[in-house]
Amino acid sequence: MSSALTDLLIRATWETILMTLASGLVSLLVGLPIGLLLTVTAKGGILEEPWTNRILGSFVNAFRSVPFIILLVALIPLTRLIVGTSIGTYAAIVPLSIAAIPYYARIAEVSLREVDPNLVETARAMGAGRWTIVRHVLLSEAMPGLVAGFIVTLITLVGATAVAGAIGAGGLGDLAIRYGYQRFQTEVMVAVVAVLVVLVCLLQWAGDRLVARLDHRR
């Protein structure tokens, strides 16, 4: 590749990393509390509220059922309202975040529900309050699963950023479409695929090491 295309590849890689990390952070900050709320309000939970659980679960399922490319287009008015434009890297963060929040919420819920109920009952018998149980039992015991699920979410977001590139979001997907597909520059397509593979492998490697360390400390 020419130096100009190499510069574009570096820039596109940075844009992809930015979109992935920013939307991933939002999914963690919003999705984890939702997953926690779904867990504690479920039947037998420490804050059992069936109607709250059903309503919240319905919203989560509704957003998860919409294909990302459709959600991307449907959220254009909201994206313009928040960012001021529907094109570009920062604009793509909005639909990416909204798609990732319910995705990670369900992953977090599954991890939290796998915590041994006997530990919760033991904490209750010792007089622990709800917040203490949430912090020192549920979150503590589920931490490896929560981290592993977050890594899966980030990897999914890497693929979603490529889809977002189809409508001008920037990043590696946009570069692959404009140069690799539309201009028939095979070397660009190969380079983009290689960078995406490396990004995913690095995320998985870092996640596996962190999960192993958390498991060792339990």
N, C-alpha and C. Protein backbone atom coordinates (compact mmCIF):
# COMPACT_ATOMS: atom_id res chain seq x y z
N MET A 1 0.84 -1.20 0.00
CA MET A 1 0.00 0.00 0.00
C MET A 1 0.87 1.25 0.00
N SER A 2 0.32 2.33 -0.54
CA SER A 2 1.03 3.60 -0.54
C SER A 2 1.03 4.19 0.85
N SER A 3 1.88 5.19 1.06
CA SER A 3 1.95 5.84 2.38
C SER A 3 0.63 6.52 2.72
N ALA A 4 -0.06 7.04 1.70
CA ALA A 4 -1.35 7.70 1.94
C ALA A 4 -2.38 6.70 2.46
N LEU A 5 -2.41 5.51 1.85
CA LEU A 5 -3.35 4.48 2.31
C LEU A 5 -2.96 3.96 3.69
N THR A 6 -1.67 3.89 3.95
CA THR A 6 -1.22 3.47 5.29
C THR A 6 -1.68 4.46 6.35
N ASP A 7 -1.59 5.74 6.03
CA ASP A 7 -2.07 6.77 6.97
C ASP A 7 -3.57 6.64 7.19
N LEU A 8 -4.30 6.37 6.10
CA LEU A 8 -5.75 6.17 6.23
C LEU A 8 -6.07 4.95 7.08
N LEU A 9 -5.27 3.90 6.94
CA LEU A 9 -5.48 2.68 7.73
C LEU A 9 -5.25 2.95 9.21
N ILE A 10 -4.20 3.69 9.52
CA ILE A 10 -3.91 4.03 10.92
C ILE A 10 -5.02 4.88 11.50
N ARG A 11 -5.48 5.85 10.73
CA ARG A 11 -6.57 6.72 11.20
C ARG A 11 -7.86 5.91 11.40
N ALA A 12 -8.16 5.04 10.44
CA ALA A 12 -9.37 4.23 10.54
C ALA A 12 -9.31 3.29 11.74
N THR A 13 -8.11 2.76 12.02
CA THR A 13 -7.95 1.88 13.18
C THR A 13 -8.22 2.64 14.47
N TRP A 14 -7.70 3.85 14.57
CA TRP A 14 -7.94 4.67 15.76
C TRP A 14 -9.43 4.98 15.91
N GLU A 15 -10.10 5.28 14.79
CA GLU A 15 -11.53 5.58 14.85
C GLU A 15 -12.32 4.36 15.32
N THR A 16 -11.93 3.18 14.85
CA THR A 16 -12.59 1.95 15.29
C THR A 16 -12.38 1.70 16.77
N ILE A 17 -11.16 1.90 17.25
CA ILE A 17 -10.87 1.73 18.67
C ILE A 17 -11.67 2.73 19.50
N LEU A 18 -11.74 3.98 19.03
CA LEU A 18 -12.49 5.01 19.75
C LEU A 18 -13.96 4.65 19.85
N MET A 19 -14.56 4.26 18.74
CA MET A 19 -15.98 3.88 18.75
C MET A 19 -16.23 2.69 19.66
N THR A 20 -15.33 1.71 19.60
CA THR A 20 -15.50 0.50 20.41
C THR A 20 -15.40 0.79 21.90
N LEU A 21 -14.36 1.52 22.30
CA LEU A 21 -14.15 1.80 23.72
C LEU A 21 -15.21 2.74 24.29
N ALA A 22 -15.59 3.77 23.52
CA ALA A 22 -16.58 4.73 24.02
C ALA A 22 -17.94 4.07 24.19
N SER A 23 -18.40 3.35 23.19
CA SER A 23 -19.69 2.67 23.30
C SER A 23 -19.63 1.52 24.31
N GLY A 24 -18.46 0.88 24.42
CA GLY A 24 -18.30 -0.17 25.42
C GLY A 24 -18.40 0.37 26.83
N LEU A 25 -17.81 1.54 27.05
CA LEU A 25 -17.89 2.16 28.37
C LEU A 25 -19.33 2.51 28.73
N VAL A 26 -20.06 3.05 27.76
CA VAL A 26 -21.47 3.37 28.00
C VAL A 26 -22.27 2.11 28.31
N SER A 27 -22.00 1.04 27.57
CA SER A 27 -22.72 -0.21 27.82
C SER A 27 -22.43 -0.75 29.21
N LEU A 28 -21.21 -0.56 29.69
CA LEU A 28 -20.85 -1.02 31.03
C LEU A 28 -21.54 -0.18 32.10
N LEU A 29 -21.51 1.15 31.93
CA LEU A 29 -22.07 2.05 32.93
C LEU A 29 -23.59 1.97 33.01
N VAL A 30 -24.23 1.66 31.89
CA VAL A 30 -25.70 1.60 31.87
C VAL A 30 -26.19 0.16 31.87
N GLY A 31 -25.53 -0.70 31.12
CA GLY A 31 -25.99 -2.08 31.01
C GLY A 31 -25.83 -2.89 32.29
N LEU A 32 -24.74 -2.66 33.03
CA LEU A 32 -24.53 -3.41 34.28
C LEU A 32 -25.61 -3.11 35.31
N PRO A 33 -25.97 -1.83 35.56
CA PRO A 33 -27.08 -1.57 36.49
C PRO A 33 -28.39 -2.18 36.02
N ILE A 34 -28.64 -2.18 34.71
CA ILE A 34 -29.87 -2.80 34.21
C ILE A 34 -29.85 -4.30 34.46
N GLY A 35 -28.72 -4.94 34.17
CA GLY A 35 -28.60 -6.37 34.42
C GLY A 35 -28.75 -6.69 35.89
N LEU A 36 -28.19 -5.84 36.74
CA LEU A 36 -28.32 -6.02 38.18
C LEU A 36 -29.77 -5.87 38.62
N LEU A 37 -30.45 -4.88 38.06
CA LEU A 37 -31.86 -4.66 38.40
C LEU A 37 -32.73 -5.82 37.94
N LEU A 38 -32.42 -6.36 36.76
CA LEU A 38 -33.16 -7.53 36.28
C LEU A 38 -32.96 -8.72 37.20
N THR A 39 -31.78 -8.84 37.79
CA THR A 39 -31.48 -9.96 38.67
C THR A 39 -32.18 -9.84 40.02
N VAL A 40 -32.07 -8.66 40.63
CA VAL A 40 -32.61 -8.51 41.99
C VAL A 40 -34.13 -8.41 42.01
N THR A 41 -34.75 -8.01 40.87
CA THR A 41 -36.22 -7.91 40.84
C THR A 41 -36.88 -9.18 40.32
N ALA A 42 -36.07 -10.16 39.92
CA ALA A 42 -36.63 -11.42 39.43
C ALA A 42 -37.25 -12.22 40.58
N LYS A 43 -38.01 -13.25 40.24
CA LYS A 43 -38.63 -14.09 41.26
C LYS A 43 -37.57 -14.71 42.14
N GLY A 44 -37.69 -14.50 43.44
CA GLY A 44 -36.71 -15.00 44.39
C GLY A 44 -35.54 -14.08 44.61
N GLY A 45 -35.54 -12.92 43.93
CA GLY A 45 -34.46 -11.96 44.10
C GLY A 45 -34.56 -11.21 45.41
N ILE A 46 -33.51 -10.47 45.74
CA ILE A 46 -33.49 -9.76 47.02
C ILE A 46 -34.41 -8.54 47.01
N LEU A 47 -34.87 -8.16 45.82
CA LEU A 47 -35.81 -7.04 45.71
C LEU A 47 -36.89 -7.45 44.71
N GLU A 48 -37.57 -8.53 45.02
CA GLU A 48 -38.51 -9.14 44.08
C GLU A 48 -39.63 -8.17 43.68
N GLU A 49 -39.66 -7.83 42.38
CA GLU A 49 -40.68 -6.94 41.82
C GLU A 49 -41.03 -7.47 40.43
N PRO A 50 -41.97 -8.40 40.35
CA PRO A 50 -42.27 -9.06 39.06
C PRO A 50 -42.62 -8.10 37.94
N TRP A 51 -43.46 -7.09 38.23
CA TRP A 51 -43.88 -6.18 37.17
C TRP A 51 -42.72 -5.32 36.68
N THR A 52 -41.92 -4.85 37.59
CA THR A 52 -40.73 -4.08 37.19
C THR A 52 -39.81 -4.93 36.33
N ASN A 53 -39.64 -6.17 36.73
CA ASN A 53 -38.77 -7.08 35.99
C ASN A 53 -39.31 -7.33 34.58
N ARG A 54 -40.62 -7.52 34.46
CA ARG A 54 -41.22 -7.81 33.16
C ARG A 54 -41.13 -6.60 32.23
N ILE A 55 -41.43 -5.43 32.77
CA ILE A 55 -41.40 -4.22 31.94
C ILE A 55 -39.98 -3.93 31.46
N LEU A 56 -39.02 -3.98 32.39
CA LEU A 56 -37.63 -3.73 32.04
C LEU A 56 -37.12 -4.78 31.07
N GLY A 57 -37.47 -6.03 31.31
CA GLY A 57 -37.06 -7.11 30.43
C GLY A 57 -37.64 -6.96 29.03
N SER A 58 -38.86 -6.44 28.94
CA SER A 58 -39.49 -6.23 27.63
C SER A 58 -38.75 -5.17 26.83
N PHE A 59 -38.34 -4.08 27.50
CA PHE A 59 -37.58 -3.04 26.82
C PHE A 59 -36.24 -3.58 26.33
N VAL A 60 -35.59 -4.34 27.17
CA VAL A 60 -34.29 -4.92 26.79
C VAL A 60 -34.45 -5.85 25.59
N ASN A 61 -35.47 -6.69 25.62
CA ASN A 61 -35.70 -7.63 24.52
C ASN A 61 -36.06 -6.90 23.23
N ALA A 62 -36.82 -5.81 23.37
CA ALA A 62 -37.24 -5.06 22.19
C ALA A 62 -36.04 -4.49 21.45
N PHE A 63 -35.10 -3.90 22.17
CA PHE A 63 -33.92 -3.31 21.53
C PHE A 63 -32.99 -4.40 21.00
N ARG A 64 -32.91 -5.52 21.71
CA ARG A 64 -32.03 -6.60 21.26
C ARG A 64 -32.55 -7.26 20.00
N SER A 65 -33.85 -7.20 19.77
CA SER A 65 -34.44 -7.89 18.61
C SER A 65 -34.28 -7.12 17.31
N VAL A 66 -33.90 -5.83 17.39
CA VAL A 66 -33.76 -5.02 16.18
C VAL A 66 -32.36 -5.19 15.60
N PRO A 67 -32.25 -5.60 14.34
CA PRO A 67 -30.92 -5.72 13.71
C PRO A 67 -30.18 -4.39 13.78
N PHE A 68 -28.87 -4.45 13.96
CA PHE A 68 -28.10 -3.23 14.20
C PHE A 68 -28.19 -2.24 13.04
N ILE A 69 -28.18 -2.72 11.80
CA ILE A 69 -28.22 -1.82 10.65
C ILE A 69 -29.54 -1.04 10.62
N ILE A 70 -30.63 -1.69 11.04
CA ILE A 70 -31.93 -1.01 11.11
C ILE A 70 -31.93 -0.01 12.26
N LEU A 71 -31.39 -0.42 13.40
CA LEU A 71 -31.31 0.48 14.55
C LEU A 71 -30.46 1.70 14.22
N LEU A 72 -29.41 1.48 13.46
CA LEU A 72 -28.51 2.55 13.05
C LEU A 72 -29.26 3.63 12.29
N VAL A 73 -30.11 3.21 11.38
CA VAL A 73 -30.88 4.16 10.56
C VAL A 73 -32.01 4.78 11.38
N ALA A 74 -32.69 3.96 12.19
CA ALA A 74 -33.82 4.45 12.97
C ALA A 74 -33.43 5.51 13.99
N LEU A 75 -32.18 5.44 14.46
CA LEU A 75 -31.73 6.37 15.49
C LEU A 75 -31.07 7.63 14.93
N ILE A 76 -31.13 7.81 13.62
CA ILE A 76 -30.51 9.00 13.02
C ILE A 76 -31.04 10.30 13.62
N PRO A 77 -32.38 10.45 13.82
CA PRO A 77 -32.86 11.70 14.46
C PRO A 77 -32.29 11.91 15.86
N LEU A 78 -32.22 10.86 16.65
CA LEU A 78 -31.65 10.97 18.00
C LEU A 78 -30.17 11.29 17.94
N THR A 79 -29.48 10.66 17.01
CA THR A 79 -28.05 10.93 16.85
C THR A 79 -27.80 12.38 16.49
N ARG A 80 -28.61 12.92 15.58
CA ARG A 80 -28.47 14.33 15.21
C ARG A 80 -28.77 15.25 16.39
N LEU A 81 -29.74 14.84 17.20
CA LEU A 81 -30.10 15.65 18.37
C LEU A 81 -28.97 15.70 19.38
N ILE A 82 -28.29 14.58 19.58
CA ILE A 82 -27.25 14.50 20.59
C ILE A 82 -25.91 15.04 20.08
N VAL A 83 -25.53 14.63 18.87
CA VAL A 83 -24.20 14.96 18.35
C VAL A 83 -24.23 16.15 17.40
N GLY A 84 -25.36 16.35 16.74
CA GLY A 84 -25.46 17.43 15.76
C GLY A 84 -25.28 16.96 14.34
N THR A 85 -24.95 15.69 14.16
CA THR A 85 -24.78 15.10 12.83
C THR A 85 -25.04 13.62 12.91
N SER A 86 -25.34 13.02 11.78
CA SER A 86 -25.57 11.57 11.74
C SER A 86 -24.43 10.85 11.05
N ILE A 87 -23.39 11.56 10.69
CA ILE A 87 -22.24 10.99 9.99
C ILE A 87 -20.98 11.22 10.79
N GLY A 88 -20.12 10.23 10.80
CA GLY A 88 -18.84 10.38 11.46
C GLY A 88 -18.67 9.46 12.66
N THR A 89 -17.48 9.47 13.19
CA THR A 89 -17.13 8.57 14.30
C THR A 89 -17.95 8.84 15.54
N TYR A 90 -18.05 10.10 15.94
CA TYR A 90 -18.78 10.43 17.17
C TYR A 90 -20.27 10.16 17.03
N ALA A 91 -20.81 10.36 15.84
CA ALA A 91 -22.22 10.07 15.61
C ALA A 91 -22.50 8.58 15.76
N ALA A 92 -21.56 7.74 15.33
CA ALA A 92 -21.76 6.29 15.39
C ALA A 92 -21.79 5.77 16.82
N ILE A 93 -21.17 6.51 17.74
CA ILE A 93 -21.11 6.06 19.13
C ILE A 93 -22.51 5.96 19.73
N VAL A 94 -23.42 6.83 19.30
CA VAL A 94 -24.79 6.83 19.85
C VAL A 94 -25.51 5.52 19.56
N PRO A 95 -25.70 5.12 18.30
CA PRO A 95 -26.38 3.84 18.05
C PRO A 95 -25.60 2.63 18.54
N LEU A 96 -24.27 2.70 18.49
CA LEU A 96 -23.47 1.60 19.01
C LEU A 96 -23.72 1.39 20.50
N SER A 97 -23.79 2.49 21.23
CA SER A 97 -24.04 2.41 22.68
C SER A 97 -25.42 1.86 22.98
N ILE A 98 -26.42 2.36 22.25
CA ILE A 98 -27.80 1.92 22.49
C ILE A 98 -27.96 0.45 22.14
N ALA A 99 -27.23 -0.02 21.13
CA ALA A 99 -27.30 -1.44 20.78
C ALA A 99 -26.56 -2.30 21.80
N ALA A 100 -25.47 -1.77 22.36
CA ALA A 100 -24.64 -2.56 23.27
C ALA A 100 -25.23 -2.63 24.68
N ILE A 101 -25.98 -1.62 25.09
CA ILE A 101 -26.52 -1.59 26.46
C ILE A 101 -27.38 -2.81 26.76
N PRO A 102 -28.44 -3.09 25.98
CA PRO A 102 -29.25 -4.28 26.30
C PRO A 102 -28.50 -5.59 26.10
N TYR A 103 -27.56 -5.59 25.18
CA TYR A 103 -26.75 -6.79 24.94
C TYR A 103 -25.95 -7.14 26.19
N TYR A 104 -25.25 -6.14 26.73
CA TYR A 104 -24.45 -6.42 27.92
C TYR A 104 -25.32 -6.60 29.15
N ALA A 105 -26.48 -5.94 29.19
CA ALA A 105 -27.39 -6.11 30.32
C ALA A 105 -27.79 -7.57 30.49
N ARG A 106 -28.09 -8.23 29.39
CA ARG A 106 -28.47 -9.65 29.46
C ARG A 106 -27.29 -10.53 29.84
N ILE A 107 -26.12 -10.20 29.32
CA ILE A 107 -24.92 -10.96 29.70
C ILE A 107 -24.65 -10.81 31.19
N ALA A 108 -24.77 -9.59 31.68
CA ALA A 108 -24.55 -9.33 33.11
C ALA A 108 -25.58 -10.07 33.95
N GLU A 109 -26.82 -10.07 33.48
CA GLU A 109 -27.88 -10.77 34.22
C GLU A 109 -27.58 -12.25 34.34
N VAL A 110 -27.13 -12.86 33.26
CA VAL A 110 -26.80 -14.29 33.28
C VAL A 110 -25.67 -14.56 34.27
N SER A 111 -24.64 -13.71 34.26
CA SER A 111 -23.51 -13.90 35.17
C SER A 111 -23.94 -13.74 36.63
N LEU A 112 -24.77 -12.76 36.90
CA LEU A 112 -25.23 -12.51 38.27
C LEU A 112 -26.14 -13.63 38.77
N ARG A 113 -26.93 -14.19 37.89
CA ARG A 113 -27.83 -15.27 38.29
C ARG A 113 -27.09 -16.57 38.58
N GLU A 114 -25.87 -16.67 38.10
CA GLU A 114 -25.08 -17.89 38.34
C GLU A 114 -24.43 -17.91 39.72
N VAL A 115 -24.53 -16.78 40.44
CA VAL A 115 -24.00 -16.75 41.80
C VAL A 115 -24.80 -17.71 42.68
N ASP A 116 -24.11 -18.48 43.47
CA ASP A 116 -24.74 -19.49 44.34
C ASP A 116 -25.77 -18.83 45.26
N PRO A 117 -27.04 -19.21 45.16
CA PRO A 117 -28.08 -18.63 46.01
C PRO A 117 -27.80 -18.83 47.50
N ASN A 118 -27.07 -19.88 47.84
CA ASN A 118 -26.76 -20.14 49.25
C ASN A 118 -25.89 -19.03 49.84
N LEU A 119 -25.04 -18.43 49.01
CA LEU A 119 -24.21 -17.32 49.49
C LEU A 119 -25.08 -16.12 49.83
N VAL A 120 -26.09 -15.88 49.01
CA VAL A 120 -27.01 -14.77 49.27
C VAL A 120 -27.80 -15.03 50.54
N GLU A 121 -28.29 -16.24 50.69
CA GLU A 121 -29.07 -16.59 51.88
C GLU A 121 -28.20 -16.50 53.14
N THR A 122 -26.95 -16.90 53.03
CA THR A 122 -26.04 -16.81 54.18
C THR A 122 -25.82 -15.36 54.57
N ALA A 123 -25.63 -14.50 53.57
CA ALA A 123 -25.46 -13.08 53.86
C ALA A 123 -26.70 -12.48 54.49
N ARG A 124 -27.87 -12.90 54.02
CA ARG A 124 -29.12 -12.44 54.61
C ARG A 124 -29.23 -12.88 56.06
N ALA A 125 -28.88 -14.14 56.31
CA ALA A 125 -28.98 -14.67 57.68
C ALA A 125 -28.03 -13.95 58.63
N MET A 126 -26.96 -13.41 58.10
CA MET A 126 -26.00 -12.68 58.94
C MET A 126 -26.40 -11.21 59.10
N GLY A 127 -27.54 -10.84 58.52
CA GLY A 127 -28.04 -9.48 58.70
C GLY A 127 -27.54 -8.48 57.68
N ALA A 128 -26.98 -8.96 56.59
CA ALA A 128 -26.47 -8.04 55.57
C ALA A 128 -27.61 -7.35 54.85
N GLY A 129 -27.44 -6.07 54.57
CA GLY A 129 -28.44 -5.32 53.84
C GLY A 129 -28.38 -5.61 52.35
N ARG A 130 -29.35 -5.07 51.62
CA ARG A 130 -29.42 -5.35 50.19
C ARG A 130 -28.19 -4.84 49.45
N TRP A 131 -27.75 -3.62 49.75
CA TRP A 131 -26.59 -3.06 49.06
C TRP A 131 -25.34 -3.87 49.38
N THR A 132 -25.22 -4.32 50.63
CA THR A 132 -24.07 -5.14 51.01
C THR A 132 -24.07 -6.45 50.23
N ILE A 133 -25.25 -7.05 50.08
CA ILE A 133 -25.35 -8.30 49.32
C ILE A 133 -24.98 -8.07 47.86
N VAL A 134 -25.49 -6.97 47.31
CA VAL A 134 -25.19 -6.65 45.91
C VAL A 134 -23.69 -6.46 45.71
N ARG A 135 -23.08 -5.68 46.59
CA ARG A 135 -21.67 -5.32 46.41
C ARG A 135 -20.72 -6.45 46.75
N HIS A 136 -20.94 -7.09 47.89
CA HIS A 136 -19.97 -8.06 48.38
C HIS A 136 -20.28 -9.51 48.03
N VAL A 137 -21.49 -9.78 47.54
CA VAL A 137 -21.84 -11.15 47.16
C VAL A 137 -22.06 -11.24 45.65
N LEU A 138 -23.09 -10.56 45.16
CA LEU A 138 -23.43 -10.68 43.74
C LEU A 138 -22.31 -10.19 42.83
N LEU A 139 -21.91 -8.93 42.99
CA LEU A 139 -20.89 -8.36 42.11
C LEU A 139 -19.53 -9.04 42.30
N SER A 140 -19.19 -9.30 43.54
CA SER A 140 -17.90 -9.91 43.83
C SER A 140 -17.79 -11.31 43.22
N GLU A 141 -18.81 -12.14 43.44
CA GLU A 141 -18.76 -13.51 42.95
C GLU A 141 -18.92 -13.60 41.43
N ALA A 142 -19.66 -12.65 40.86
CA ALA A 142 -19.91 -12.70 39.42
C ALA A 142 -18.87 -11.94 38.61
N MET A 143 -17.88 -11.33 39.27
CA MET A 143 -16.94 -10.46 38.57
C MET A 143 -16.24 -11.13 37.38
N PRO A 144 -15.71 -12.35 37.51
CA PRO A 144 -15.08 -12.97 36.33
C PRO A 144 -16.03 -13.08 35.14
N GLY A 145 -17.27 -13.49 35.41
CA GLY A 145 -18.25 -13.60 34.34
C GLY A 145 -18.63 -12.26 33.76
N LEU A 146 -18.71 -11.24 34.61
CA LEU A 146 -19.03 -9.89 34.14
C LEU A 146 -17.93 -9.36 33.23
N VAL A 147 -16.69 -9.60 33.62
CA VAL A 147 -15.56 -9.14 32.81
C VAL A 147 -15.51 -9.90 31.49
N ALA A 148 -15.69 -11.21 31.54
CA ALA A 148 -15.69 -12.02 30.32
C ALA A 148 -16.81 -11.57 29.38
N GLY A 149 -17.97 -11.28 29.95
CA GLY A 149 -19.09 -10.81 29.15
C GLY A 149 -18.82 -9.45 28.53
N PHE A 150 -18.11 -8.59 29.27
CA PHE A 150 -17.78 -7.27 28.75
C PHE A 150 -16.81 -7.38 27.57
N ILE A 151 -15.88 -8.31 27.66
CA ILE A 151 -14.95 -8.53 26.55
C ILE A 151 -15.70 -9.02 25.32
N VAL A 152 -16.67 -9.90 25.52
CA VAL A 152 -17.50 -10.37 24.40
C VAL A 152 -18.25 -9.20 23.79
N THR A 153 -18.75 -8.30 24.64
CA THR A 153 -19.45 -7.11 24.15
C THR A 153 -18.53 -6.23 23.31
N LEU A 154 -17.31 -6.02 23.78
CA LEU A 154 -16.35 -5.20 23.04
C LEU A 154 -16.04 -5.83 21.68
N ILE A 155 -15.87 -7.14 21.66
CA ILE A 155 -15.57 -7.82 20.39
C ILE A 155 -16.75 -7.69 19.43
N THR A 156 -17.97 -7.81 19.97
CA THR A 156 -19.15 -7.62 19.14
C THR A 156 -19.22 -6.20 18.58
N LEU A 157 -18.81 -5.24 19.41
CA LEU A 157 -18.81 -3.84 18.97
C LEU A 157 -17.80 -3.59 17.87
N VAL A 158 -16.68 -4.30 17.90
CA VAL A 158 -15.70 -4.16 16.82
C VAL A 158 -16.35 -4.51 15.48
N GLY A 159 -17.12 -5.59 15.45
CA GLY A 159 -17.83 -5.97 14.24
C GLY A 159 -18.92 -4.97 13.88
N ALA A 160 -19.59 -4.43 14.91
CA ALA A 160 -20.66 -3.45 14.66
C ALA A 160 -20.11 -2.16 14.07
N THR A 161 -18.91 -1.77 14.47
CA THR A 161 -18.32 -0.55 13.90
C THR A 161 -18.09 -0.70 12.40
N ALA A 162 -17.77 -1.92 11.99
CA ALA A 162 -17.59 -2.16 10.55
C ALA A 162 -18.91 -1.99 9.81
N VAL A 163 -20.00 -2.44 10.42
CA VAL A 163 -21.33 -2.24 9.83
C VAL A 163 -21.67 -0.75 9.77
N ALA A 164 -21.35 -0.03 10.85
CA ALA A 164 -21.62 1.40 10.89
C ALA A 164 -20.86 2.15 9.80
N GLY A 165 -19.72 1.60 9.40
CA GLY A 165 -18.94 2.22 8.34
C GLY A 165 -19.69 2.26 7.02
N ALA A 166 -20.71 1.42 6.87
CA ALA A 166 -21.48 1.37 5.63
C ALA A 166 -22.27 2.65 5.39
N ILE A 167 -22.54 3.41 6.45
CA ILE A 167 -23.29 4.66 6.27
C ILE A 167 -22.44 5.86 6.70
N GLY A 168 -21.15 5.73 6.53
CA GLY A 168 -20.29 6.88 6.73
C GLY A 168 -19.86 7.14 8.15
N ALA A 169 -19.76 6.09 8.97
CA ALA A 169 -19.36 6.28 10.36
C ALA A 169 -17.85 6.40 10.53
N GLY A 170 -17.12 6.11 9.48
CA GLY A 170 -15.66 6.11 9.60
C GLY A 170 -15.17 4.77 10.09
N GLY A 171 -13.89 4.69 10.41
CA GLY A 171 -13.33 3.46 10.92
C GLY A 171 -12.94 2.49 9.82
N LEU A 172 -12.60 1.30 10.22
CA LEU A 172 -12.11 0.29 9.29
C LEU A 172 -13.18 -0.18 8.31
N GLY A 173 -14.42 -0.23 8.76
CA GLY A 173 -15.51 -0.63 7.86
C GLY A 173 -15.67 0.33 6.71
N ASP A 174 -15.62 1.62 7.01
CA ASP A 174 -15.73 2.65 5.98
C ASP A 174 -14.56 2.56 5.00
N LEU A 175 -13.36 2.34 5.53
CA LEU A 175 -12.18 2.23 4.67
C LEU A 175 -12.28 1.02 3.76
N ALA A 176 -12.75 -0.10 4.29
CA ALA A 176 -12.89 -1.32 3.49
C ALA A 176 -13.90 -1.14 2.37
N ILE A 177 -14.99 -0.44 2.64
CA ILE A 177 -16.02 -0.24 1.63
C ILE A 177 -15.56 0.73 0.54
N ARG A 178 -15.00 1.87 0.96
CA ARG A 178 -14.64 2.92 0.00
C ARG A 178 -13.45 2.53 -0.86
N TYR A 179 -12.48 1.87 -0.27
CA TYR A 179 -11.27 1.54 -1.02
C TYR A 179 -11.20 0.06 -1.43
N GLY A 180 -11.47 -0.81 -0.47
CA GLY A 180 -11.36 -2.23 -0.77
C GLY A 180 -12.44 -2.73 -1.70
N TYR A 181 -13.69 -2.25 -1.53
CA TYR A 181 -14.82 -2.74 -2.33
C TYR A 181 -15.09 -1.86 -3.55
N GLN A 182 -15.33 -0.57 -3.31
CA GLN A 182 -15.72 0.31 -4.41
C GLN A 182 -14.59 0.58 -5.40
N ARG A 183 -13.34 0.59 -4.92
CA ARG A 183 -12.20 0.86 -5.81
C ARG A 183 -11.39 -0.40 -6.14
N PHE A 184 -11.90 -1.53 -5.70
CA PHE A 184 -11.29 -2.83 -6.03
C PHE A 184 -9.82 -2.92 -5.62
N GLN A 185 -9.50 -2.33 -4.46
CA GLN A 185 -8.13 -2.40 -3.96
C GLN A 185 -8.06 -3.53 -2.92
N THR A 186 -7.72 -4.69 -3.42
CA THR A 186 -7.72 -5.90 -2.58
C THR A 186 -6.78 -5.78 -1.40
N GLU A 187 -5.65 -5.11 -1.59
CA GLU A 187 -4.68 -5.01 -0.50
C GLU A 187 -5.24 -4.23 0.69
N VAL A 188 -6.14 -3.27 0.41
CA VAL A 188 -6.77 -2.52 1.49
C VAL A 188 -7.71 -3.42 2.27
N MET A 189 -8.51 -4.20 1.55
CA MET A 189 -9.44 -5.13 2.20
C MET A 189 -8.69 -6.13 3.07
N VAL A 190 -7.60 -6.67 2.55
CA VAL A 190 -6.80 -7.64 3.31
C VAL A 190 -6.22 -6.99 4.55
N ALA A 191 -5.73 -5.76 4.41
CA ALA A 191 -5.15 -5.05 5.55
C ALA A 191 -6.19 -4.78 6.63
N VAL A 192 -7.39 -4.39 6.20
CA VAL A 192 -8.47 -4.12 7.15
C VAL A 192 -8.84 -5.39 7.92
N VAL A 193 -8.99 -6.50 7.19
CA VAL A 193 -9.33 -7.77 7.84
C VAL A 193 -8.23 -8.16 8.83
N ALA A 194 -6.99 -7.97 8.45
CA ALA A 194 -5.87 -8.33 9.33
C ALA A 194 -5.89 -7.49 10.61
N VAL A 195 -6.14 -6.20 10.47
CA VAL A 195 -6.19 -5.33 11.65
C VAL A 195 -7.36 -5.72 12.56
N LEU A 196 -8.51 -6.02 11.97
CA LEU A 196 -9.67 -6.44 12.77
C LEU A 196 -9.38 -7.73 13.53
N VAL A 197 -8.72 -8.67 12.88
CA VAL A 197 -8.36 -9.94 13.54
C VAL A 197 -7.42 -9.68 14.70
N VAL A 198 -6.44 -8.81 14.49
CA VAL A 198 -5.48 -8.47 15.55
C VAL A 198 -6.19 -7.80 16.72
N LEU A 199 -7.10 -6.87 16.44
CA LEU A 199 -7.83 -6.19 17.51
C LEU A 199 -8.64 -7.17 18.34
N VAL A 200 -9.34 -8.06 17.66
CA VAL A 200 -10.17 -9.04 18.38
C VAL A 200 -9.29 -9.98 19.21
N CYS A 201 -8.18 -10.43 18.63
CA CYS A 201 -7.28 -11.32 19.37
C CYS A 201 -6.68 -10.65 20.59
N LEU A 202 -6.32 -9.38 20.45
CA LEU A 202 -5.76 -8.64 21.59
C LEU A 202 -6.80 -8.46 22.69
N LEU A 203 -8.02 -8.14 22.30
CA LEU A 203 -9.09 -7.99 23.29
C LEU A 203 -9.34 -9.30 24.03
N GLN A 204 -9.42 -10.38 23.27
CA GLN A 204 -9.68 -11.69 23.88
C GLN A 204 -8.53 -12.10 24.79
N TRP A 205 -7.30 -11.86 24.35
CA TRP A 205 -6.13 -12.22 25.16
C TRP A 205 -6.11 -11.44 26.47
N ALA A 206 -6.33 -10.13 26.37
CA ALA A 206 -6.34 -9.30 27.57
C ALA A 206 -7.48 -9.70 28.50
N GLY A 207 -8.64 -9.98 27.92
CA GLY A 207 -9.78 -10.40 28.72
C GLY A 207 -9.55 -11.72 29.43
N ASP A 208 -8.98 -12.68 28.72
CA ASP A 208 -8.71 -14.00 29.32
C ASP A 208 -7.72 -13.88 30.48
N ARG A 209 -6.71 -13.05 30.32
CA ARG A 209 -5.72 -12.86 31.40
C ARG A 209 -6.38 -12.21 32.62
N LEU A 210 -7.23 -11.22 32.38
CA LEU A 210 -7.88 -10.54 33.49
C LEU A 210 -8.85 -11.47 34.21
N VAL A 211 -9.61 -12.24 33.45
CA VAL A 211 -10.55 -13.19 34.06
C VAL A 211 -9.80 -14.25 34.87
N ALA A 212 -8.69 -14.73 34.35
CA ALA A 212 -7.89 -15.73 35.07
C ALA A 212 -7.37 -15.14 36.38
N ARG A 213 -6.95 -13.90 36.35
CA ARG A 213 -6.47 -13.26 37.57
C ARG A 213 -7.59 -13.08 38.59
N LEU A 214 -8.76 -12.71 38.13
CA LEU A 214 -9.91 -12.55 39.03
C LEU A 214 -10.32 -13.89 39.63
N ASP A 215 -10.30 -14.94 38.81
CA ASP A 215 -10.64 -16.27 39.31
C ASP A 215 -9.64 -16.73 40.37
N HIS A 216 -8.38 -16.36 40.17
CA HIS A 216 -7.32 -16.77 41.10
C HIS A 216 -7.51 -16.07 42.47
N ARG A 217 -8.05 -14.86 42.44
CA ARG A 217 -8.21 -14.11 43.68
C ARG A 217 -9.44 -14.49 44.47
N ARG A 218 -10.36 -15.23 43.84
CA ARG A 218 -11.61 -15.58 44.52
C ARG A 218 -11.37 -16.62 45.63
